[in-house]
Each structure stands twice: as structure tokens, then as C-alpha cells.
PDB file of all heavy atoms in Angstrom:
ATOM      1  N   GLY A   1     -12.305   3.058   3.022  1.00  0.00           N
ATOM      2  CA  GLY A   1     -13.482   3.436   3.658  1.00  0.00           C
ATOM      3  C   GLY A   1     -13.381   3.757   5.165  1.00  0.00           C
ATOM      4  O   GLY A   1     -14.338   4.083   5.833  1.00  0.00           O
ATOM      5  N   LYS A   2     -12.144   3.489   5.655  1.00  0.00           N
ATOM      6  CA  LYS A   2     -11.898   3.811   7.047  1.00  0.00           C
ATOM      7  C   LYS A   2     -11.022   5.031   7.187  1.00  0.00           C
ATOM      8  O   LYS A   2     -10.586   5.612   6.184  1.00  0.00           O
ATOM      9  CB  LYS A   2     -11.122   2.599   7.672  1.00  0.00           C
ATOM     10  CG  LYS A   2     -11.959   1.298   7.627  1.00  0.00           C
ATOM     11  CD  LYS A   2     -11.154   0.144   8.218  1.00  0.00           C
ATOM     12  CE  LYS A   2     -11.917  -1.147   8.208  1.00  0.00           C
ATOM     13  NZ  LYS A   2     -11.149  -2.281   8.727  1.00  0.00           N
ATOM     14  N   ARG A   3     -10.757   5.443   8.417  1.00  0.00           N
ATOM     15  CA  ARG A   3      -9.989   6.682   8.668  1.00  0.00           C
ATOM     16  C   ARG A   3      -8.811   6.280   9.636  1.00  0.00           C
ATOM     17  O   ARG A   3      -8.927   5.383  10.476  1.00  0.00           O
ATOM     18  CB  ARG A   3     -10.793   7.769   9.269  1.00  0.00           C
ATOM     19  CG  ARG A   3     -11.831   8.327   8.285  1.00  0.00           C
ATOM     20  CD  ARG A   3     -12.579   9.503   8.788  1.00  0.00           C
ATOM     21  NE  ARG A   3     -13.483  10.010   7.798  1.00  0.00           N
ATOM     22  CZ  ARG A   3     -13.150  10.925   6.903  1.00  0.00           C
ATOM     23  NH1 ARG A   3     -11.901  11.417   6.904  1.00  0.00           N
ATOM     24  NH2 ARG A   3     -13.996  11.321   5.967  1.00  0.00           N
ATOM     25  N   ASP A   4      -7.772   6.987   9.428  1.00  0.00           N
ATOM     26  CA  ASP A   4      -6.594   6.721  10.326  1.00  0.00           C
ATOM     27  C   ASP A   4      -6.722   7.477  11.633  1.00  0.00           C
ATOM     28  O   ASP A   4      -7.781   8.072  11.821  1.00  0.00           O
ATOM     29  CB  ASP A   4      -5.215   7.100   9.619  1.00  0.00           C
ATOM     30  CG  ASP A   4      -5.139   8.577   9.317  1.00  0.00           C
ATOM     31  OD1 ASP A   4      -5.895   9.401   9.823  1.00  0.00           O
ATOM     32  OD2 ASP A   4      -4.260   8.938   8.479  1.00  0.00           O
ATOM     33  N   ARG A   5      -5.699   7.469  12.465  1.00  0.00           N
ATOM     34  CA  ARG A   5      -5.797   8.114  13.769  1.00  0.00           C
ATOM     35  C   ARG A   5      -6.035   9.549  13.746  1.00  0.00           C
ATOM     36  O   ARG A   5      -6.467  10.166  14.701  1.00  0.00           O
ATOM     37  CB  ARG A   5      -4.559   7.775  14.626  1.00  0.00           C
ATOM     38  CG  ARG A   5      -4.410   6.264  14.944  1.00  0.00           C
ATOM     39  CD  ARG A   5      -3.160   6.001  15.711  1.00  0.00           C
ATOM     40  NE  ARG A   5      -3.009   4.611  16.056  1.00  0.00           N
ATOM     41  CZ  ARG A   5      -1.956   4.056  16.708  1.00  0.00           C
ATOM     42  NH1 ARG A   5      -0.943   4.836  17.044  1.00  0.00           N
ATOM     43  NH2 ARG A   5      -1.914   2.760  16.931  1.00  0.00           N
ATOM     44  N   ARG A   6      -5.574  10.199  12.623  1.00  0.00           N
ATOM     45  CA  ARG A   6      -5.757  11.631  12.472  1.00  0.00           C
ATOM     46  C   ARG A   6      -7.064  11.981  11.776  1.00  0.00           C
ATOM     47  O   ARG A   6      -7.348  13.170  11.541  1.00  0.00           O
ATOM     48  CB  ARG A   6      -4.566  12.203  11.654  1.00  0.00           C
ATOM     49  CG  ARG A   6      -3.226  12.017  12.377  1.00  0.00           C
ATOM     50  CD  ARG A   6      -2.094  12.648  11.517  1.00  0.00           C
ATOM     51  NE  ARG A   6      -0.803  12.428  12.109  1.00  0.00           N
ATOM     52  CZ  ARG A   6       0.356  12.846  11.579  1.00  0.00           C
ATOM     53  NH1 ARG A   6       0.323  13.502  10.419  1.00  0.00           N
ATOM     54  NH2 ARG A   6       1.497  12.626  12.190  1.00  0.00           N
ATOM     55  N   GLY A   7      -7.891  10.984  11.510  1.00  0.00           N
ATOM     56  CA  GLY A   7      -9.143  11.232  10.877  1.00  0.00           C
ATOM     57  C   GLY A   7      -9.097  11.328   9.365  1.00  0.00           C
ATOM     58  O   GLY A   7     -10.116  11.607   8.744  1.00  0.00           O
ATOM     59  N   ARG A   8      -7.983  11.086   8.759  1.00  0.00           N
ATOM     60  CA  ARG A   8      -7.786  11.162   7.306  1.00  0.00           C
ATOM     61  C   ARG A   8      -8.357   9.820   6.722  1.00  0.00           C
ATOM     62  O   ARG A   8      -8.218   8.810   7.302  1.00  0.00           O
ATOM     63  CB  ARG A   8      -6.379  11.331   6.889  1.00  0.00           C
ATOM     64  CG  ARG A   8      -5.824  12.693   7.410  1.00  0.00           C
ATOM     65  CD  ARG A   8      -4.258  12.652   7.140  1.00  0.00           C
ATOM     66  NE  ARG A   8      -3.585  11.581   7.647  1.00  0.00           N
ATOM     67  CZ  ARG A   8      -2.254  11.368   7.606  1.00  0.00           C
ATOM     68  NH1 ARG A   8      -1.557  12.267   6.997  1.00  0.00           N
ATOM     69  NH2 ARG A   8      -1.713  10.318   8.122  1.00  0.00           N
ATOM     70  N   PRO A   9      -8.854   9.932   5.481  1.00  0.00           N
ATOM     71  CA  PRO A   9      -9.245   8.671   4.822  1.00  0.00           C
ATOM     72  C   PRO A   9      -8.038   7.740   4.668  1.00  0.00           C
ATOM     73  O   PRO A   9      -6.965   8.163   4.284  1.00  0.00           O
ATOM     74  CB  PRO A   9      -9.785   9.155   3.444  1.00  0.00           C
ATOM     75  CG  PRO A   9     -10.117  10.576   3.641  1.00  0.00           C
ATOM     76  CD  PRO A   9      -9.202  11.107   4.660  1.00  0.00           C
ATOM     77  N   LEU A  10      -8.274   6.469   5.024  1.00  0.00           N
ATOM     78  CA  LEU A  10      -7.217   5.497   4.973  1.00  0.00           C
ATOM     79  C   LEU A  10      -7.039   4.940   3.570  1.00  0.00           C
ATOM     80  O   LEU A  10      -8.010   4.344   3.042  1.00  0.00           O
ATOM     81  CB  LEU A  10      -7.443   4.371   5.978  1.00  0.00           C
ATOM     82  CG  LEU A  10      -6.332   3.321   6.103  1.00  0.00           C
ATOM     83  CD1 LEU A  10      -5.051   3.981   6.551  1.00  0.00           C
ATOM     84  CD2 LEU A  10      -6.751   2.228   7.040  1.00  0.00           C
ATOM     85  N   LYS A  11      -5.935   5.147   2.947  1.00  0.00           N
ATOM     86  CA  LYS A  11      -5.636   4.636   1.654  1.00  0.00           C
ATOM     87  C   LYS A  11      -4.530   3.614   1.705  1.00  0.00           C
ATOM     88  O   LYS A  11      -3.547   3.734   2.447  1.00  0.00           O
ATOM     89  CB  LYS A  11      -5.248   5.756   0.647  1.00  0.00           C
ATOM     90  CG  LYS A  11      -6.341   6.757   0.402  1.00  0.00           C
ATOM     91  CD  LYS A  11      -5.862   7.851  -0.541  1.00  0.00           C
ATOM     92  CE  LYS A  11      -6.989   8.895  -0.818  1.00  0.00           C
ATOM     93  NZ  LYS A  11      -6.524   9.897  -1.769  1.00  0.00           N
ATOM     94  N   ILE A  12      -4.647   2.562   0.890  1.00  0.00           N
ATOM     95  CA  ILE A  12      -3.659   1.520   0.841  1.00  0.00           C
ATOM     96  C   ILE A  12      -3.082   1.389  -0.541  1.00  0.00           C
ATOM     97  O   ILE A  12      -3.843   1.327  -1.528  1.00  0.00           O
ATOM     98  CB  ILE A  12      -4.244   0.106   1.237  1.00  0.00           C
ATOM     99  CG1 ILE A  12      -4.673   0.141   2.703  1.00  0.00           C
ATOM    100  CG2 ILE A  12      -3.210  -0.962   1.012  1.00  0.00           C
ATOM    101  CD1 ILE A  12      -5.301  -1.181   3.170  1.00  0.00           C
ATOM    102  N   THR A  13      -1.713   1.425  -0.626  1.00  0.00           N
ATOM    103  CA  THR A  13      -1.077   1.147  -1.903  1.00  0.00           C
ATOM    104  C   THR A  13      -0.494  -0.216  -1.884  1.00  0.00           C
ATOM    105  O   THR A  13       0.242  -0.601  -1.019  1.00  0.00           O
ATOM    106  CB  THR A  13       0.044   2.175  -2.160  1.00  0.00           C
ATOM    107  OG1 THR A  13      -0.522   3.509  -2.137  1.00  0.00           O
ATOM    108  CG2 THR A  13       0.768   1.960  -3.471  1.00  0.00           C
ATOM    109  N   SER A  14      -0.926  -1.071  -2.839  1.00  0.00           N
ATOM    110  CA  SER A  14      -0.478  -2.432  -2.985  1.00  0.00           C
ATOM    111  C   SER A  14       0.411  -2.580  -4.163  1.00  0.00           C
ATOM    112  O   SER A  14       0.059  -2.163  -5.270  1.00  0.00           O
ATOM    113  CB  SER A  14      -1.663  -3.381  -3.046  1.00  0.00           C
ATOM    114  OG  SER A  14      -2.464  -3.388  -1.919  1.00  0.00           O
ATOM    115  N   VAL A  15       1.627  -3.177  -3.975  1.00  0.00           N
ATOM    116  CA  VAL A  15       2.612  -3.360  -5.027  1.00  0.00           C
ATOM    117  C   VAL A  15       2.914  -4.822  -5.182  1.00  0.00           C
ATOM    118  O   VAL A  15       3.217  -5.455  -4.146  1.00  0.00           O
ATOM    119  CB  VAL A  15       3.872  -2.538  -4.760  1.00  0.00           C
ATOM    120  CG1 VAL A  15       4.856  -2.729  -5.913  1.00  0.00           C
ATOM    121  CG2 VAL A  15       3.549  -1.068  -4.526  1.00  0.00           C
ATOM    122  N   ALA A  16       2.809  -5.347  -6.345  1.00  0.00           N
ATOM    123  CA  ALA A  16       3.222  -6.764  -6.571  1.00  0.00           C
ATOM    124  C   ALA A  16       4.503  -6.759  -7.238  1.00  0.00           C
ATOM    125  O   ALA A  16       4.801  -6.031  -8.261  1.00  0.00           O
ATOM    126  CB  ALA A  16       2.161  -7.487  -7.459  1.00  0.00           C
ATOM    127  N   ILE A  17       5.544  -7.527  -6.636  1.00  0.00           N
ATOM    128  CA  ILE A  17       6.874  -7.590  -7.210  1.00  0.00           C
ATOM    129  C   ILE A  17       7.192  -9.058  -7.506  1.00  0.00           C
ATOM    130  O   ILE A  17       6.648  -9.986  -6.873  1.00  0.00           O
ATOM    131  CB  ILE A  17       7.924  -6.981  -6.310  1.00  0.00           C
ATOM    132  CG1 ILE A  17       8.009  -7.754  -4.937  1.00  0.00           C
ATOM    133  CG2 ILE A  17       7.683  -5.492  -6.073  1.00  0.00           C
ATOM    134  CD1 ILE A  17       9.143  -7.301  -4.088  1.00  0.00           C
ATOM    135  N   SER A  18       8.141  -9.274  -8.460  1.00  0.00           N
ATOM    136  CA  SER A  18       8.500 -10.689  -8.773  1.00  0.00           C
ATOM    137  C   SER A  18       9.953 -10.659  -9.192  1.00  0.00           C
ATOM    138  O   SER A  18      10.483  -9.713  -9.746  1.00  0.00           O
ATOM    139  CB  SER A  18       7.671 -11.158  -9.942  1.00  0.00           C
ATOM    140  OG  SER A  18       8.060 -12.464 -10.376  1.00  0.00           O
ATOM    141  N   ASP A  19      10.591 -11.849  -8.830  1.00  0.00           N
ATOM    142  CA  ASP A  19      11.976 -12.067  -9.242  1.00  0.00           C
ATOM    143  C   ASP A  19      12.072 -13.165 -10.291  1.00  0.00           C
ATOM    144  O   ASP A  19      13.158 -13.683 -10.582  1.00  0.00           O
ATOM    145  CB  ASP A  19      12.875 -12.414  -8.042  1.00  0.00           C
ATOM    146  CG  ASP A  19      12.472 -13.710  -7.353  1.00  0.00           C
ATOM    147  OD1 ASP A  19      11.475 -14.273  -7.764  1.00  0.00           O
ATOM    148  OD2 ASP A  19      13.281 -14.141  -6.566  1.00  0.00           O
ATOM    149  N   GLY A  20      10.963 -13.555 -10.830  1.00  0.00           N
ATOM    150  CA  GLY A  20      10.944 -14.668 -11.840  1.00  0.00           C
ATOM    151  C   GLY A  20      10.655 -16.020 -11.218  1.00  0.00           C
ATOM    152  O   GLY A  20      10.240 -16.928 -11.921  1.00  0.00           O
ATOM    153  N   THR A  21      10.808 -16.130  -9.882  1.00  0.00           N
ATOM    154  CA  THR A  21      10.532 -17.432  -9.214  1.00  0.00           C
ATOM    155  C   THR A  21       9.171 -17.428  -8.499  1.00  0.00           C
ATOM    156  O   THR A  21       8.530 -18.426  -8.373  1.00  0.00           O
ATOM    157  CB  THR A  21      11.621 -17.768  -8.213  1.00  0.00           C
ATOM    158  OG1 THR A  21      11.556 -16.834  -7.115  1.00  0.00           O
ATOM    159  CG2 THR A  21      12.979 -17.742  -8.757  1.00  0.00           C
ATOM    160  N   ASP A  22       8.765 -16.215  -8.060  1.00  0.00           N
ATOM    161  CA  ASP A  22       7.530 -16.116  -7.310  1.00  0.00           C
ATOM    162  C   ASP A  22       7.128 -14.644  -7.202  1.00  0.00           C
ATOM    163  O   ASP A  22       7.885 -13.712  -7.644  1.00  0.00           O
ATOM    164  CB  ASP A  22       7.703 -16.702  -5.870  1.00  0.00           C
ATOM    165  CG  ASP A  22       6.405 -17.285  -5.336  1.00  0.00           C
ATOM    166  OD1 ASP A  22       5.314 -16.828  -5.780  1.00  0.00           O
ATOM    167  OD2 ASP A  22       6.491 -18.148  -4.434  1.00  0.00           O
ATOM    168  N   THR A  23       5.987 -14.385  -6.547  1.00  0.00           N
ATOM    169  CA  THR A  23       5.486 -13.020  -6.380  1.00  0.00           C
ATOM    170  C   THR A  23       5.382 -12.690  -4.882  1.00  0.00           C
ATOM    171  O   THR A  23       5.006 -13.539  -4.084  1.00  0.00           O
ATOM    172  CB  THR A  23       4.126 -12.874  -7.091  1.00  0.00           C
ATOM    173  OG1 THR A  23       4.267 -13.149  -8.457  1.00  0.00           O
ATOM    174  CG2 THR A  23       3.578 -11.483  -6.874  1.00  0.00           C
ATOM    175  N   LEU A  24       5.668 -11.416  -4.560  1.00  0.00           N
ATOM    176  CA  LEU A  24       5.523 -10.934  -3.191  1.00  0.00           C
ATOM    177  C   LEU A  24       4.749  -9.648  -3.248  1.00  0.00           C
ATOM    178  O   LEU A  24       4.925  -8.854  -4.237  1.00  0.00           O
ATOM    179  CB  LEU A  24       6.912 -10.760  -2.605  1.00  0.00           C
ATOM    180  CG  LEU A  24       7.003 -10.170  -1.155  1.00  0.00           C
ATOM    181  CD1 LEU A  24       6.411 -11.177  -0.158  1.00  0.00           C
ATOM    182  CD2 LEU A  24       8.428  -9.854  -0.845  1.00  0.00           C
ATOM    183  N   HIS A  25       3.978  -9.340  -2.209  1.00  0.00           N
ATOM    184  CA  HIS A  25       3.171  -8.108  -2.184  1.00  0.00           C
ATOM    185  C   HIS A  25       3.766  -7.160  -1.206  1.00  0.00           C
ATOM    186  O   HIS A  25       4.191  -7.584  -0.103  1.00  0.00           O
ATOM    187  CB  HIS A  25       1.726  -8.420  -1.845  1.00  0.00           C
ATOM    188  CG  HIS A  25       1.042  -9.210  -2.945  1.00  0.00           C
ATOM    189  ND1 HIS A  25       0.328  -8.630  -3.969  1.00  0.00           N
ATOM    190  CD2 HIS A  25       0.932 -10.551  -3.138  1.00  0.00           C
ATOM    191  CE1 HIS A  25      -0.124  -9.634  -4.738  1.00  0.00           C
ATOM    192  NE2 HIS A  25       0.246 -10.767  -4.251  1.00  0.00           N
ATOM    193  N   LEU A  26       3.765  -5.916  -1.521  1.00  0.00           N
ATOM    194  CA  LEU A  26       4.186  -4.819  -0.654  1.00  0.00           C
ATOM    195  C   LEU A  26       2.978  -3.951  -0.309  1.00  0.00           C
ATOM    196  O   LEU A  26       2.172  -3.671  -1.182  1.00  0.00           O
ATOM    197  CB  LEU A  26       5.218  -3.936  -1.327  1.00  0.00           C
ATOM    198  CG  LEU A  26       6.388  -4.629  -2.084  1.00  0.00           C
ATOM    199  CD1 LEU A  26       7.306  -3.598  -2.674  1.00  0.00           C
ATOM    200  CD2 LEU A  26       7.180  -5.551  -1.170  1.00  0.00           C
ATOM    201  N   THR A  27       2.896  -3.608   0.950  1.00  0.00           N
ATOM    202  CA  THR A  27       1.742  -2.810   1.453  1.00  0.00           C
ATOM    203  C   THR A  27       2.149  -1.539   2.086  1.00  0.00           C
ATOM    204  O   THR A  27       3.027  -1.552   3.024  1.00  0.00           O
ATOM    205  CB  THR A  27       0.891  -3.665   2.445  1.00  0.00           C
ATOM    206  OG1 THR A  27       0.439  -4.840   1.797  1.00  0.00           O
ATOM    207  CG2 THR A  27      -0.358  -2.835   2.889  1.00  0.00           C
ATOM    208  N   PHE A  28       1.615  -0.402   1.638  1.00  0.00           N
ATOM    209  CA  PHE A  28       1.994   0.928   2.149  1.00  0.00           C
ATOM    210  C   PHE A  28       0.676   1.604   2.535  1.00  0.00           C
ATOM    211  O   PHE A  28      -0.310   1.575   1.751  1.00  0.00           O
ATOM    212  CB  PHE A  28       2.675   1.771   1.125  1.00  0.00           C
ATOM    213  CG  PHE A  28       4.023   1.160   0.658  1.00  0.00           C
ATOM    214  CD1 PHE A  28       4.010   0.339  -0.421  1.00  0.00           C
ATOM    215  CD2 PHE A  28       5.168   1.487   1.305  1.00  0.00           C
ATOM    216  CE1 PHE A  28       5.193  -0.229  -0.860  1.00  0.00           C
ATOM    217  CE2 PHE A  28       6.388   0.932   0.883  1.00  0.00           C
ATOM    218  CZ  PHE A  28       6.405   0.058  -0.207  1.00  0.00           C
ATOM    219  N   PHE A  29       0.575   2.261   3.711  1.00  0.00           N
ATOM    220  CA  PHE A  29      -0.627   2.968   4.148  1.00  0.00           C
ATOM    221  C   PHE A  29      -0.356   4.450   3.990  1.00  0.00           C
ATOM    222  O   PHE A  29       0.626   5.006   4.495  1.00  0.00           O
ATOM    223  CB  PHE A  29      -0.905   2.654   5.617  1.00  0.00           C
ATOM    224  CG  PHE A  29      -1.277   1.181   5.792  1.00  0.00           C
ATOM    225  CD1 PHE A  29      -0.315   0.299   6.316  1.00  0.00           C
ATOM    226  CD2 PHE A  29      -2.555   0.721   5.566  1.00  0.00           C
ATOM    227  CE1 PHE A  29      -0.633  -1.038   6.495  1.00  0.00           C
ATOM    228  CE2 PHE A  29      -2.900  -0.620   5.764  1.00  0.00           C
ATOM    229  CZ  PHE A  29      -1.884  -1.507   6.213  1.00  0.00           C
ATOM    230  N   ASN A  30      -1.354   5.154   3.412  1.00  0.00           N
ATOM    231  CA  ASN A  30      -1.343   6.640   3.248  1.00  0.00           C
ATOM    232  C   ASN A  30       0.037   7.087   2.761  1.00  0.00           C
ATOM    233  O   ASN A  30       0.656   7.977   3.417  1.00  0.00           O
ATOM    234  CB  ASN A  30      -1.684   7.300   4.523  1.00  0.00           C
ATOM    235  CG  ASN A  30      -3.221   7.322   4.743  1.00  0.00           C
ATOM    236  OD1 ASN A  30      -3.951   6.862   3.909  1.00  0.00           O
ATOM    237  ND2 ASN A  30      -3.671   7.845   5.858  1.00  0.00           N
ATOM    238  N   SER A  31       0.510   6.522   1.689  1.00  0.00           N
ATOM    239  CA  SER A  31       1.849   6.882   1.171  1.00  0.00           C
ATOM    240  C   SER A  31       1.658   7.151  -0.379  1.00  0.00           C
ATOM    241  O   SER A  31       2.218   6.383  -1.187  1.00  0.00           O
ATOM    242  CB  SER A  31       2.828   5.761   1.420  1.00  0.00           C
ATOM    243  OG  SER A  31       2.925   5.448   2.757  1.00  0.00           O
ATOM    244  N   PRO A  32       0.972   8.218  -0.736  1.00  0.00           N
ATOM    245  CA  PRO A  32       0.691   8.418  -2.152  1.00  0.00           C
ATOM    246  C   PRO A  32       1.969   8.628  -3.056  1.00  0.00           C
ATOM    247  O   PRO A  32       1.899   8.401  -4.254  1.00  0.00           O
ATOM    248  CB  PRO A  32      -0.225   9.675  -2.177  1.00  0.00           C
ATOM    249  CG  PRO A  32       0.130  10.398  -0.862  1.00  0.00           C
ATOM    250  CD  PRO A  32       0.424   9.256   0.079  1.00  0.00           C
ATOM    251  N   TRP A  33       3.030   9.132  -2.442  1.00  0.00           N
ATOM    252  CA  TRP A  33       4.275   9.382  -3.196  1.00  0.00           C
ATOM    253  C   TRP A  33       4.883   8.059  -3.714  1.00  0.00           C
ATOM    254  O   TRP A  33       5.786   8.135  -4.602  1.00  0.00           O
ATOM    255  CB  TRP A  33       5.296  10.098  -2.342  1.00  0.00           C
ATOM    256  CG  TRP A  33       5.712   9.327  -1.183  1.00  0.00           C
ATOM    257  CD1 TRP A  33       6.718   8.418  -1.062  1.00  0.00           C
ATOM    258  CD2 TRP A  33       5.134   9.396   0.147  1.00  0.00           C
ATOM    259  NE1 TRP A  33       6.810   7.929   0.211  1.00  0.00           N
ATOM    260  CE2 TRP A  33       5.828   8.454   0.990  1.00  0.00           C
ATOM    261  CE3 TRP A  33       4.062  10.109   0.697  1.00  0.00           C
ATOM    262  CZ2 TRP A  33       5.519   8.259   2.316  1.00  0.00           C
ATOM    263  CZ3 TRP A  33       3.759   9.923   2.037  1.00  0.00           C
ATOM    264  CH2 TRP A  33       4.485   8.958   2.805  1.00  0.00           C
ATOM    265  N   ILE A  34       4.508   6.930  -3.188  1.00  0.00           N
ATOM    266  CA  ILE A  34       5.064   5.641  -3.635  1.00  0.00           C
ATOM    267  C   ILE A  34       4.911   5.449  -5.130  1.00  0.00           C
ATOM    268  O   ILE A  34       5.779   4.966  -5.784  1.00  0.00           O
ATOM    269  CB  ILE A  34       4.359   4.487  -2.799  1.00  0.00           C
ATOM    270  CG1 ILE A  34       4.724   4.561  -1.342  1.00  0.00           C
ATOM    271  CG2 ILE A  34       4.821   3.150  -3.432  1.00  0.00           C
ATOM    272  CD1 ILE A  34       6.151   4.331  -1.068  1.00  0.00           C
ATOM    273  N   THR A  35       3.774   5.904  -5.633  1.00  0.00           N
ATOM    274  CA  THR A  35       3.556   5.690  -7.114  1.00  0.00           C
ATOM    275  C   THR A  35       4.498   6.532  -8.004  1.00  0.00           C
ATOM    276  O   THR A  35       4.623   6.256  -9.174  1.00  0.00           O
ATOM    277  CB  THR A  35       2.048   6.100  -7.468  1.00  0.00           C
ATOM    278  OG1 THR A  35       1.815   7.443  -7.038  1.00  0.00           O
ATOM    279  CG2 THR A  35       1.118   5.137  -6.756  1.00  0.00           C
TER     280      THR A  35
END
């Protein structure tokens, strides 16, 4: 619902990863190619 410095809608990509012992979250801003 916010916009970045260039006025574009701000999108967040959240990735949850695990190595079997625990979970860690990865955060990417305006990076649609990540998927």
C-alpha cells in the first residue's frame, strides 16, 4: 500500500527457508523475478 522513491507501488516478496533445524525468512523489495 506504500510507494517507493520512484513512486511505484511497493511490493515485498517473503521467502521462508529451512535447513531442518530452524526457519529463516528472506525479504526482497520490488523484485518480482525472485519467484
